[in-house]
Amino acid sequence: MMILNERIWSIFKQNWQHTLTYWSVFFSFGLSISFLGPTVLDLRCQTQSTLQEITCVFFSQQFFMLVGSSVGGVFKKTQKCALSALFASTLLISAVFAVVPLCHSVLLLAVALAMSGTAMGVIDTIANVQLVKIYQKDSAVFLQVLHFFIGLGALVSPLIADPFLSETNCILGAGNATSELRHLRHTLGRSAGRNWSHYHLLTEGTVVTQISYAFWIMAAINLPVPILVFALMQRERAPPCCCCGTRSPRLLEQDELAMKTWDQGEGEPKNLHPEGHGGGLFSCCRKGAVSTLTPSAAGIHVLGGLVVFMTDGLIGAYSVFVYSYAVDPPLSLKHKTAGYLASIFWAAITAGRLVSVPLSCWLQPVHMLIANLAGMVITALLLLLLYADSVFLFVGTFFLGFFLSSVFPCMLAYAEDVLSYQGCVTTVLVTCAGAGEMVLQIVVGLVMHSTGSYSFLLSSVFTGAIGLCLFFALLLFRHMHR
């Protein structure tokens, strides 16, 4: 802990149990976000569905994660209510892992993943909000660790699934080669709108798949997380459920929180339960909060949301389509070699978030944002200029993931600091990030399908450049904002 200054370490010791709990729930988030890709072919066999039908479950999870993110603010008004929502969400994720092997139709699977996506969205909003409310000006370093745990869960989930994946077609009677199935696993990604009619896979026959064991193992691994949340609920004496929209914090609670802020040396105690922190996505626009939403504050909300829309959208689109780009001309890499690109990209994101933890102790979020966004655009430009260099594709993929890794937590810390922790900016940013992942994957997929694989790198440069320009506009609104 020598890399942390004494003040941050002192605050962490006061709130260590809450902090570790919020970090652990993001591990659940990471487990849920990455298991679908490698297991989708086995789930196709389990549900005896076509490729077109099974890829629709990706949209189900992504859409309801966006819904969960936007309504997550309903549960964040008090810490006790937030803990109750986190307990329900993490327990639901374990339940979904356990139930997925029992879903023998696409509709049932889509419903299960919709429930999982909603829980993921609620976790995303609440964990970010609660860490910001606890640490405020010191939240950047803790947000970096929080988002590191997403990457950790996203790395663990495919490793658990890999030993149980079918090497041949898991419906007896289909004669697809192992290499074609591996190619399909990487190509499917989250592309629900593509035409898979040229792949002829049987939907009738005897199903032979062991993927159920992978889901049950993930359910067991995730189970300690809701137990940890429940233990914190017992300590805080939080009820199993609460009416989040009507209960106001007791006067004694407000005094204790205000004194804690005073002791941390932040000057005058702030209103730790401002009007903008209750409710959902549009809570800052309610009566009583409108007066605080000046044009400059509204601009910061909108521009901050658009920046993470672009950057998180780029993460989603690049991780899905880099394999398809690599196996097509001019690179024409072997399927097995190209399959490492997505893994390298996610490993770089995880490593970048880990490196950002100590950097956040010394650098301001705005400085890290400038460095990351500039590095993102420069790397994307180099990838475009060296489009025929297969070696640089691997190098550039790593650095692109590294620079993109900490944009969201830095933007969240920066925007909340600018708005004095009184707005609904956290919910706006989380929702915009989820929307970017969903929308840009569809847009990039359609562009690649109509214009060819070269447009993949061009769209990456275009998206990154727009994100950087929007950030400069955000800095202008920050200058205007008092």
Protein backbone atom coordinates (compact mmCIF):
# COMPACT_ATOMS: atom_id res chain seq x y z
CA MET A 1 0.00 0.00 0.00
CA MET A 2 3.00 2.30 -0.23
CA ILE A 3 1.78 3.56 -3.58
CA LEU A 4 -1.29 5.06 -1.88
CA ASN A 5 -0.95 8.29 0.01
CA GLU A 6 -1.90 8.32 3.67
CA ARG A 7 -5.12 10.25 3.19
CA ILE A 8 -6.60 7.82 0.65
CA TRP A 9 -5.50 4.86 2.76
CA SER A 10 -7.14 6.40 5.84
CA ILE A 11 -10.45 6.87 4.01
CA PHE A 12 -10.27 3.31 2.65
CA LYS A 13 -9.80 1.89 6.18
CA GLN A 14 -12.99 3.64 7.25
CA ASN A 15 -14.98 2.20 4.34
CA TRP A 16 -13.14 -1.01 3.46
CA GLN A 17 -16.09 -3.38 3.81
CA HIS A 18 -18.36 -1.28 1.57
CA THR A 19 -15.56 -0.84 -0.97
CA LEU A 20 -14.68 -4.54 -1.18
CA THR A 21 -18.36 -5.37 -1.55
CA TYR A 22 -18.81 -2.99 -4.48
CA TRP A 23 -15.65 -4.34 -6.11
CA SER A 24 -16.89 -7.92 -5.72
CA VAL A 25 -20.25 -7.19 -7.36
CA PHE A 26 -18.38 -5.91 -10.40
CA PHE A 27 -16.65 -9.29 -10.58
CA SER A 28 -20.17 -10.75 -10.99
CA PHE A 29 -20.75 -8.18 -13.73
CA GLY A 30 -17.60 -9.32 -15.55
CA LEU A 31 -18.52 -13.01 -15.26
CA SER A 32 -21.88 -12.30 -16.87
CA ILE A 33 -20.67 -10.06 -19.66
CA SER A 34 -18.29 -12.48 -21.38
CA PHE A 35 -19.64 -16.01 -21.04
CA LEU A 36 -22.06 -15.83 -23.97
CA GLY A 37 -19.52 -15.50 -26.79
CA PRO A 38 -17.63 -18.79 -26.38
CA THR A 39 -20.68 -20.81 -25.27
CA VAL A 40 -23.14 -19.68 -27.91
CA LEU A 41 -22.67 -22.70 -30.22
CA ASP A 42 -23.26 -25.14 -27.37
CA LEU A 43 -26.32 -23.14 -26.33
CA ARG A 44 -27.51 -23.39 -29.94
CA CYS A 45 -27.33 -27.17 -29.66
CA GLN A 46 -29.02 -27.14 -26.26
CA THR A 47 -31.93 -25.10 -27.61
CA GLN A 48 -31.81 -26.84 -31.03
CA SER A 49 -32.08 -23.49 -32.77
CA THR A 50 -30.59 -21.85 -35.85
CA LEU A 51 -27.62 -19.47 -35.72
CA GLN A 52 -29.91 -16.55 -36.52
CA GLU A 53 -32.18 -17.42 -33.60
CA ILE A 54 -29.44 -18.01 -31.03
CA THR A 55 -27.62 -14.74 -31.78
CA CYS A 56 -30.78 -12.84 -30.85
CA VAL A 57 -30.11 -13.68 -27.20
CA PHE A 58 -27.13 -11.30 -27.36
CA PHE A 59 -29.51 -8.44 -28.09
CA SER A 60 -31.79 -9.54 -25.25
CA GLN A 61 -29.00 -9.31 -22.67
CA GLN A 62 -27.57 -6.06 -24.05
CA PHE A 63 -30.93 -4.28 -24.30
CA PHE A 64 -32.04 -5.17 -20.79
CA MET A 65 -28.63 -4.23 -19.40
CA LEU A 66 -29.32 -0.78 -20.83
CA VAL A 67 -32.76 -0.81 -19.17
CA GLY A 68 -31.23 -1.86 -15.86
CA SER A 69 -28.63 0.91 -16.07
CA SER A 70 -31.23 3.60 -16.70
CA VAL A 71 -33.56 2.53 -13.89
CA GLY A 72 -30.77 1.67 -11.44
CA GLY A 73 -30.97 5.17 -10.02
CA VAL A 74 -34.29 4.26 -8.40
CA PHE A 75 -32.37 2.09 -5.92
CA LYS A 76 -29.49 4.43 -5.13
CA LYS A 77 -31.16 7.05 -2.93
CA THR A 78 -29.93 5.48 0.31
CA GLN A 79 -27.10 3.07 0.98
CA LYS A 80 -29.42 0.52 2.58
CA CYS A 81 -31.67 0.47 -0.47
CA ALA A 82 -28.64 0.20 -2.75
CA LEU A 83 -27.39 -2.83 -0.81
CA SER A 84 -30.80 -4.52 -1.07
CA ALA A 85 -30.80 -4.01 -4.84
CA LEU A 86 -27.23 -5.32 -5.15
CA PHE A 87 -28.09 -8.41 -3.10
CA ALA A 88 -31.08 -9.18 -5.32
CA SER A 89 -29.09 -8.55 -8.51
CA THR A 90 -26.05 -10.68 -7.61
CA LEU A 91 -28.27 -13.50 -6.33
CA LEU A 92 -30.25 -13.30 -9.58
CA ILE A 93 -27.04 -13.65 -11.61
CA SER A 94 -26.12 -16.86 -9.76
CA ALA A 95 -29.67 -18.12 -10.29
CA VAL A 96 -29.50 -17.38 -14.02
CA PHE A 97 -26.17 -19.24 -14.32
CA ALA A 98 -27.80 -22.23 -12.64
CA VAL A 99 -30.98 -22.06 -14.76
CA VAL A 100 -29.39 -21.54 -18.21
CA PRO A 101 -28.64 -25.30 -18.66
CA LEU A 102 -32.36 -25.96 -18.10
CA CYS A 103 -33.46 -23.59 -20.89
CA HIS A 104 -34.19 -25.83 -23.87
CA SER A 105 -35.82 -23.16 -26.02
CA VAL A 106 -34.49 -19.87 -27.34
CA LEU A 107 -37.38 -17.95 -25.78
CA LEU A 108 -36.64 -19.27 -22.28
CA LEU A 109 -32.93 -18.55 -22.76
CA ALA A 110 -33.69 -15.00 -23.94
CA VAL A 111 -35.88 -14.40 -20.87
CA ALA A 112 -33.14 -15.69 -18.54
CA LEU A 113 -30.52 -13.48 -20.18
CA ALA A 114 -32.88 -10.50 -20.07
CA MET A 115 -33.12 -10.96 -16.30
CA SER A 116 -29.33 -11.27 -16.09
CA GLY A 117 -28.88 -8.14 -18.21
CA THR A 118 -31.23 -6.14 -16.00
CA ALA A 119 -29.30 -7.22 -12.91
CA MET A 120 -26.00 -6.26 -14.59
CA GLY A 121 -27.33 -2.80 -15.41
CA VAL A 122 -28.49 -2.21 -11.83
CA ILE A 123 -25.07 -3.33 -10.53
CA ASP A 124 -23.29 -1.04 -12.98
CA THR A 125 -25.17 2.07 -11.86
CA ILE A 126 -25.31 1.43 -8.13
CA ALA A 127 -21.68 0.38 -7.59
CA ASN A 128 -20.37 3.41 -9.47
CA VAL A 129 -22.70 5.81 -7.65
CA GLN A 130 -21.97 4.44 -4.19
CA LEU A 131 -18.19 4.60 -4.60
CA VAL A 132 -18.45 8.18 -5.84
CA LYS A 133 -20.66 9.12 -2.89
CA ILE A 134 -18.25 7.53 -0.40
CA TYR A 135 -14.94 8.88 -1.76
CA GLN A 136 -16.00 11.93 -3.80
CA LYS A 137 -12.78 13.78 -4.76
CA ASP A 138 -10.73 10.64 -4.07
CA SER A 139 -13.02 8.34 -6.06
CA ALA A 140 -10.85 8.05 -9.19
CA VAL A 141 -8.47 5.41 -7.83
CA PHE A 142 -11.31 3.31 -6.40
CA LEU A 143 -13.28 3.53 -9.65
CA GLN A 144 -10.22 2.25 -11.52
CA VAL A 145 -10.08 -0.80 -9.24
CA LEU A 146 -13.84 -1.26 -9.62
CA HIS A 147 -13.57 -1.47 -13.39
CA PHE A 148 -10.51 -3.71 -13.12
CA PHE A 149 -12.79 -6.31 -11.53
CA ILE A 150 -14.99 -6.29 -14.65
CA GLY A 151 -11.93 -7.27 -16.68
CA LEU A 152 -11.00 -9.93 -14.14
CA GLY A 153 -14.44 -11.50 -14.30
CA ALA A 154 -14.45 -11.25 -18.09
CA LEU A 155 -11.13 -13.14 -18.22
CA VAL A 156 -12.23 -15.86 -15.77
CA SER A 157 -15.55 -16.66 -17.44
CA PRO A 158 -14.17 -17.93 -20.81
CA LEU A 159 -11.45 -19.89 -19.01
CA ILE A 160 -14.10 -21.75 -17.03
CA ALA A 161 -16.16 -22.45 -20.15
CA ASP A 162 -13.29 -23.55 -22.40
CA PRO A 163 -12.82 -27.15 -21.11
CA PHE A 164 -16.53 -27.86 -21.61
CA LEU A 165 -16.91 -26.48 -25.16
CA SER A 166 -17.72 -28.98 -27.90
CA GLU A 167 -14.88 -29.51 -30.35
CA THR A 168 -17.24 -31.04 -32.91
CA ASN A 169 -20.86 -30.25 -33.62
CA CYS A 170 -22.83 -31.05 -30.46
CA ILE A 171 -25.86 -32.36 -32.37
CA LEU A 172 -25.07 -35.86 -33.62
CA GLY A 173 -25.27 -36.30 -37.36
CA ALA A 174 -23.80 -32.91 -38.33
CA GLY A 175 -20.41 -33.17 -39.96
CA ASN A 176 -18.86 -29.76 -39.41
CA ALA A 177 -15.11 -29.69 -39.02
CA THR A 178 -13.51 -28.51 -35.82
CA SER A 179 -11.79 -25.61 -37.59
CA GLU A 180 -15.11 -24.34 -38.98
CA LEU A 181 -16.67 -24.43 -35.52
CA ARG A 182 -13.76 -22.46 -34.04
CA HIS A 183 -14.16 -19.92 -36.84
CA LEU A 184 -17.87 -19.64 -36.04
CA ARG A 185 -17.21 -19.08 -32.32
CA HIS A 186 -15.05 -16.05 -33.09
CA THR A 187 -17.26 -14.73 -35.89
CA LEU A 188 -20.56 -14.90 -34.03
CA GLY A 189 -19.50 -12.35 -31.42
CA ARG A 190 -22.52 -10.22 -30.59
CA SER A 191 -23.64 -9.79 -34.19
CA ALA A 192 -27.35 -10.49 -33.99
CA GLY A 193 -28.16 -8.96 -37.35
CA ARG A 194 -25.87 -10.89 -39.69
CA ASN A 195 -27.00 -13.49 -42.20
CA TRP A 196 -25.85 -16.98 -41.20
CA SER A 197 -27.88 -18.90 -43.79
CA HIS A 198 -24.75 -20.14 -45.58
CA TYR A 199 -23.86 -22.22 -42.48
CA HIS A 200 -25.89 -25.42 -42.48
CA LEU A 201 -26.02 -26.79 -38.93
CA LEU A 202 -28.56 -29.38 -37.87
CA THR A 203 -31.24 -28.38 -35.39
CA GLU A 204 -32.66 -31.87 -34.86
CA GLY A 205 -30.90 -34.85 -33.34
CA THR A 206 -29.25 -36.07 -30.17
CA VAL A 207 -27.64 -33.23 -28.20
CA VAL A 208 -24.25 -34.02 -26.69
CA THR A 209 -22.84 -31.06 -24.81
CA GLN A 210 -21.25 -30.63 -21.38
CA ILE A 211 -21.66 -26.84 -21.20
CA SER A 212 -24.05 -27.22 -18.24
CA TYR A 213 -21.09 -27.91 -15.95
CA ALA A 214 -19.47 -24.59 -16.91
CA PHE A 215 -22.59 -22.63 -15.96
CA TRP A 216 -22.99 -24.47 -12.66
CA ILE A 217 -19.34 -23.78 -11.81
CA MET A 218 -19.84 -20.07 -12.58
CA ALA A 219 -22.98 -20.05 -10.41
CA ALA A 220 -20.96 -21.52 -7.53
CA ILE A 221 -18.07 -19.07 -8.03
CA ASN A 222 -20.48 -16.14 -8.03
CA LEU A 223 -22.43 -17.30 -4.95
CA PRO A 224 -20.02 -15.75 -2.38
CA VAL A 225 -20.76 -12.31 -3.83
CA PRO A 226 -24.43 -12.09 -2.71
CA ILE A 227 -23.34 -13.62 0.61
CA LEU A 228 -20.82 -10.79 1.02
CA VAL A 229 -23.50 -8.21 0.16
CA PHE A 230 -25.89 -9.84 2.64
CA ALA A 231 -23.25 -9.67 5.38
CA LEU A 232 -22.89 -5.94 4.76
CA MET A 233 -26.68 -5.58 4.82
CA GLN A 234 -26.75 -7.22 8.24
CA ARG A 235 -24.06 -4.86 9.48
CA GLU A 236 -26.00 -1.85 8.17
CA ARG A 237 -29.30 -3.38 9.30
CA ALA A 238 -30.69 -2.94 5.81
CA PRO A 239 -34.11 -4.55 5.19
CA PRO A 240 -34.36 -7.27 2.50
CA CYS A 241 -36.36 -4.82 0.42
CA CYS A 242 -37.17 -1.18 0.80
CA CYS A 243 -39.32 1.55 -0.64
CA CYS A 244 -36.57 3.57 -2.21
CA GLY A 245 -38.71 6.29 -3.60
CA THR A 246 -40.29 7.46 -0.35
CA ARG A 247 -37.82 7.01 2.46
CA SER A 248 -35.61 9.96 3.37
CA PRO A 249 -32.42 9.50 5.38
CA ARG A 250 -32.79 10.09 9.09
CA LEU A 251 -31.35 13.29 10.49
CA LEU A 252 -28.78 11.33 12.52
CA GLU A 253 -27.57 9.54 9.37
CA GLN A 254 -27.14 12.87 7.58
CA ASP A 255 -25.20 14.32 10.51
CA GLU A 256 -22.86 11.30 10.67
CA LEU A 257 -22.14 11.41 6.95
CA ALA A 258 -21.64 15.16 7.03
CA MET A 259 -19.17 14.85 9.91
CA LYS A 260 -17.25 12.15 8.02
CA THR A 261 -16.93 14.50 5.04
CA TRP A 262 -15.86 17.31 7.38
CA ASP A 263 -13.20 15.05 8.97
CA GLN A 264 -11.78 14.23 5.54
CA GLY A 265 -10.85 17.87 5.11
CA GLU A 266 -13.21 18.79 2.30
CA GLY A 267 -14.29 22.09 3.84
CA GLU A 268 -18.00 22.66 4.38
CA PRO A 269 -20.02 19.43 4.61
CA LYS A 270 -21.85 18.68 1.37
CA ASN A 271 -25.38 17.48 0.91
CA LEU A 272 -24.66 13.79 0.58
CA HIS A 273 -28.20 12.96 -0.48
CA PRO A 274 -28.89 15.60 -3.13
CA GLU A 275 -32.06 15.66 -5.13
CA GLY A 276 -30.34 14.50 -8.27
CA HIS A 277 -29.19 11.19 -6.78
CA GLY A 278 -32.63 9.73 -6.31
CA GLY A 279 -34.67 8.33 -9.17
CA GLY A 280 -33.63 7.07 -12.54
CA LEU A 281 -32.02 8.43 -15.66
CA PHE A 282 -34.00 11.69 -15.70
CA SER A 283 -33.91 12.36 -11.95
CA CYS A 284 -31.96 15.58 -12.48
CA CYS A 285 -34.85 16.97 -14.50
CA ARG A 286 -37.45 16.62 -11.75
CA LYS A 287 -39.08 19.56 -10.07
CA GLY A 288 -36.68 20.87 -7.46
CA ALA A 289 -33.62 19.73 -9.37
CA VAL A 290 -34.22 21.71 -12.54
CA SER A 291 -32.87 24.87 -10.97
CA THR A 292 -29.48 23.16 -10.47
CA LEU A 293 -29.30 22.01 -14.09
CA THR A 294 -27.79 25.08 -15.72
CA PRO A 295 -27.00 25.08 -19.48
CA SER A 296 -23.34 24.38 -18.74
CA ALA A 297 -24.24 21.50 -16.39
CA ALA A 298 -26.62 20.09 -19.01
CA GLY A 299 -23.84 20.34 -21.58
CA ILE A 300 -21.47 18.41 -19.29
CA HIS A 301 -24.09 15.67 -18.86
CA VAL A 302 -24.69 15.39 -22.61
CA LEU A 303 -21.08 15.66 -23.78
CA GLY A 304 -19.77 13.34 -21.06
CA GLY A 305 -22.40 10.80 -22.07
CA LEU A 306 -21.47 11.12 -25.75
CA VAL A 307 -17.75 10.64 -25.03
CA VAL A 308 -18.34 7.35 -23.21
CA PHE A 309 -20.92 6.41 -25.88
CA MET A 310 -18.10 6.59 -28.42
CA THR A 311 -15.32 5.01 -26.35
CA ASP A 312 -17.31 2.14 -24.83
CA GLY A 313 -18.94 1.64 -28.22
CA LEU A 314 -15.47 1.36 -29.76
CA ILE A 315 -14.50 -1.23 -27.13
CA GLY A 316 -17.56 -3.33 -27.95
CA ALA A 317 -17.24 -3.03 -31.74
CA TYR A 318 -13.47 -3.62 -31.85
CA SER A 319 -13.59 -6.71 -29.63
CA VAL A 320 -16.32 -8.24 -31.78
CA PHE A 321 -15.10 -7.45 -35.30
CA VAL A 322 -11.28 -7.48 -35.06
CA TYR A 323 -11.33 -11.24 -35.71
CA SER A 324 -13.48 -10.85 -38.84
CA TYR A 325 -11.16 -8.11 -40.10
CA ALA A 326 -8.03 -10.22 -39.51
CA VAL A 327 -9.23 -13.33 -41.40
CA ASP A 328 -10.31 -11.32 -44.45
CA PRO A 329 -7.94 -9.88 -47.11
CA PRO A 330 -5.46 -8.20 -47.10
CA LEU A 331 -4.22 -9.87 -43.90
CA SER A 332 -5.96 -13.26 -44.32
CA LEU A 333 -4.64 -14.58 -41.02
CA LYS A 334 -5.30 -18.16 -39.98
CA HIS A 335 -8.40 -18.57 -37.84
CA LYS A 336 -6.48 -19.82 -34.81
CA THR A 337 -3.99 -16.92 -34.98
CA ALA A 338 -6.72 -14.30 -35.42
CA GLY A 339 -8.59 -15.76 -32.46
CA TYR A 340 -5.94 -14.39 -30.09
CA LEU A 341 -6.69 -10.77 -31.02
CA ALA A 342 -9.84 -10.39 -28.90
CA SER A 343 -8.05 -12.01 -25.94
CA ILE A 344 -5.12 -9.60 -26.32
CA PHE A 345 -7.53 -6.67 -26.50
CA TRP A 346 -9.33 -7.63 -23.27
CA ALA A 347 -6.05 -8.46 -21.52
CA ALA A 348 -4.81 -4.96 -22.44
CA ILE A 349 -7.98 -3.40 -21.01
CA THR A 350 -7.51 -5.32 -17.75
CA ALA A 351 -3.81 -4.40 -17.58
CA GLY A 352 -4.59 -0.75 -18.35
CA ARG A 353 -7.09 -0.54 -15.51
CA LEU A 354 -4.57 -2.10 -13.14
CA VAL A 355 -1.86 0.38 -14.15
CA SER A 356 -4.34 3.25 -13.80
CA VAL A 357 -4.84 2.51 -10.09
CA PRO A 358 -1.49 3.99 -8.92
CA LEU A 359 -1.58 6.65 -11.67
CA SER A 360 -4.90 7.90 -10.32
CA CYS A 361 -3.17 8.75 -7.04
CA TRP A 362 -0.83 11.21 -8.75
CA LEU A 363 -2.65 12.42 -11.87
CA GLN A 364 -5.92 14.30 -12.18
CA PRO A 365 -8.70 12.51 -14.13
CA VAL A 366 -8.69 15.27 -16.78
CA HIS A 367 -5.00 14.69 -17.51
CA MET A 368 -5.50 10.94 -17.77
CA LEU A 369 -8.45 11.51 -20.10
CA ILE A 370 -6.40 13.70 -22.43
CA ALA A 371 -3.59 11.13 -22.56
CA ASN A 372 -5.93 8.18 -23.07
CA LEU A 373 -8.10 9.79 -25.74
CA ALA A 374 -5.09 11.12 -27.66
CA GLY A 375 -3.38 7.71 -27.45
CA MET A 376 -6.57 6.03 -28.64
CA VAL A 377 -6.80 8.23 -31.76
CA ILE A 378 -3.07 7.94 -32.58
CA THR A 379 -3.17 4.14 -32.25
CA ALA A 380 -6.30 3.89 -34.42
CA LEU A 381 -4.63 6.07 -37.08
CA LEU A 382 -1.50 3.90 -37.06
CA LEU A 383 -3.63 0.78 -37.42
CA LEU A 384 -5.32 2.38 -40.44
CA LEU A 385 -2.02 3.46 -42.05
CA LEU A 386 -0.38 0.06 -41.44
CA TYR A 387 -3.47 -1.93 -42.36
CA ALA A 388 -1.48 -4.61 -44.19
CA ASP A 389 0.97 -5.24 -41.33
CA SER A 390 -0.19 -8.29 -39.38
CA VAL A 391 2.41 -7.81 -36.62
CA PHE A 392 1.34 -4.24 -35.92
CA LEU A 393 -2.29 -5.38 -35.79
CA PHE A 394 -1.44 -7.31 -32.62
CA VAL A 395 0.67 -4.46 -31.21
CA GLY A 396 -1.94 -1.83 -32.07
CA THR A 397 -4.74 -3.96 -30.64
CA PHE A 398 -2.92 -4.09 -27.31
CA PHE A 399 -2.28 -0.34 -27.14
CA LEU A 400 -5.80 0.53 -28.28
CA GLY A 401 -7.25 -1.57 -25.45
CA PHE A 402 -4.72 -0.08 -23.02
CA PHE A 403 -5.68 3.53 -23.83
CA LEU A 404 -9.42 2.81 -23.85
CA SER A 405 -9.33 0.93 -20.56
CA SER A 406 -9.65 3.79 -18.07
CA VAL A 407 -11.65 6.34 -20.07
CA PHE A 408 -14.97 5.54 -18.40
CA PRO A 409 -13.84 5.61 -14.72
CA CYS A 410 -11.81 8.79 -15.36
CA MET A 411 -14.75 10.47 -17.08
CA LEU A 412 -17.04 9.48 -14.24
CA ALA A 413 -14.68 10.88 -11.58
CA TYR A 414 -14.09 14.06 -13.62
CA ALA A 415 -17.76 14.78 -14.38
CA GLU A 416 -18.90 14.14 -10.81
CA ASP A 417 -16.15 16.41 -9.49
CA VAL A 418 -17.10 19.22 -11.88
CA LEU A 419 -20.77 18.95 -10.89
CA SER A 420 -19.96 18.79 -7.15
CA TYR A 421 -21.51 15.33 -6.82
CA GLN A 422 -25.04 16.73 -7.09
CA GLY A 423 -26.20 15.54 -10.52
CA CYS A 424 -27.47 12.38 -12.13
CA VAL A 425 -24.33 12.25 -14.25
CA THR A 426 -23.35 8.75 -13.09
CA THR A 427 -26.60 7.24 -14.32
CA VAL A 428 -26.33 9.20 -17.58
CA LEU A 429 -22.77 8.00 -18.22
CA VAL A 430 -23.53 4.37 -17.39
CA THR A 431 -26.59 4.38 -19.65
CA CYS A 432 -24.78 6.10 -22.52
CA ALA A 433 -21.88 3.64 -22.26
CA GLY A 434 -24.27 0.69 -22.51
CA ALA A 435 -26.10 2.31 -25.43
CA GLY A 436 -22.79 2.88 -27.22
CA GLU A 437 -21.80 -0.78 -26.89
CA MET A 438 -25.13 -1.90 -28.33
CA VAL A 439 -25.55 0.68 -31.12
CA LEU A 440 -22.00 0.89 -32.49
CA GLN A 441 -21.70 -2.88 -32.79
CA ILE A 442 -24.76 -2.88 -35.04
CA VAL A 443 -23.57 0.16 -37.05
CA VAL A 444 -20.02 -1.15 -37.57
CA GLY A 445 -21.36 -4.59 -38.51
CA LEU A 446 -23.66 -3.10 -41.14
CA VAL A 447 -20.89 -0.88 -42.54
CA MET A 448 -18.45 -3.81 -42.79
CA HIS A 449 -21.10 -5.97 -44.46
CA SER A 450 -21.86 -3.33 -47.10
CA THR A 451 -18.41 -1.80 -47.77
CA GLY A 452 -15.85 -4.47 -46.82
CA SER A 453 -13.45 -5.18 -43.97
CA TYR A 454 -11.26 -2.08 -44.53
CA SER A 455 -14.09 0.09 -43.22
CA PHE A 456 -13.56 -1.53 -39.80
CA LEU A 457 -10.35 0.43 -39.14
CA LEU A 458 -11.80 3.55 -40.76
CA SER A 459 -14.80 3.42 -38.44
CA SER A 460 -12.45 3.00 -35.44
CA VAL A 461 -10.57 6.18 -36.38
CA PHE A 462 -13.81 8.03 -37.04
CA THR A 463 -15.32 6.98 -33.70
CA GLY A 464 -12.16 7.84 -31.76
CA ALA A 465 -11.81 11.24 -33.43
CA ILE A 466 -15.43 12.14 -32.64
CA GLY A 467 -14.89 11.10 -29.02
CA LEU A 468 -11.79 13.33 -28.74
CA CYS A 469 -13.61 16.33 -30.29
CA LEU A 470 -16.53 15.85 -27.93
CA PHE A 471 -14.12 15.83 -25.00
CA PHE A 472 -12.62 19.16 -26.08
CA ALA A 473 -16.17 20.54 -26.25
CA LEU A 474 -16.70 19.18 -22.72
CA LEU A 475 -13.62 21.10 -21.55
CA LEU A 476 -15.16 24.27 -23.00
CA PHE A 477 -18.38 23.69 -21.04
CA ARG A 478 -16.28 22.97 -17.96
CA HIS A 479 -14.69 26.42 -18.37
CA MET A 480 -18.18 27.96 -18.58
CA HIS A 481 -19.52 26.05 -15.57
CA ARG A 482 -19.33 27.57 -12.10
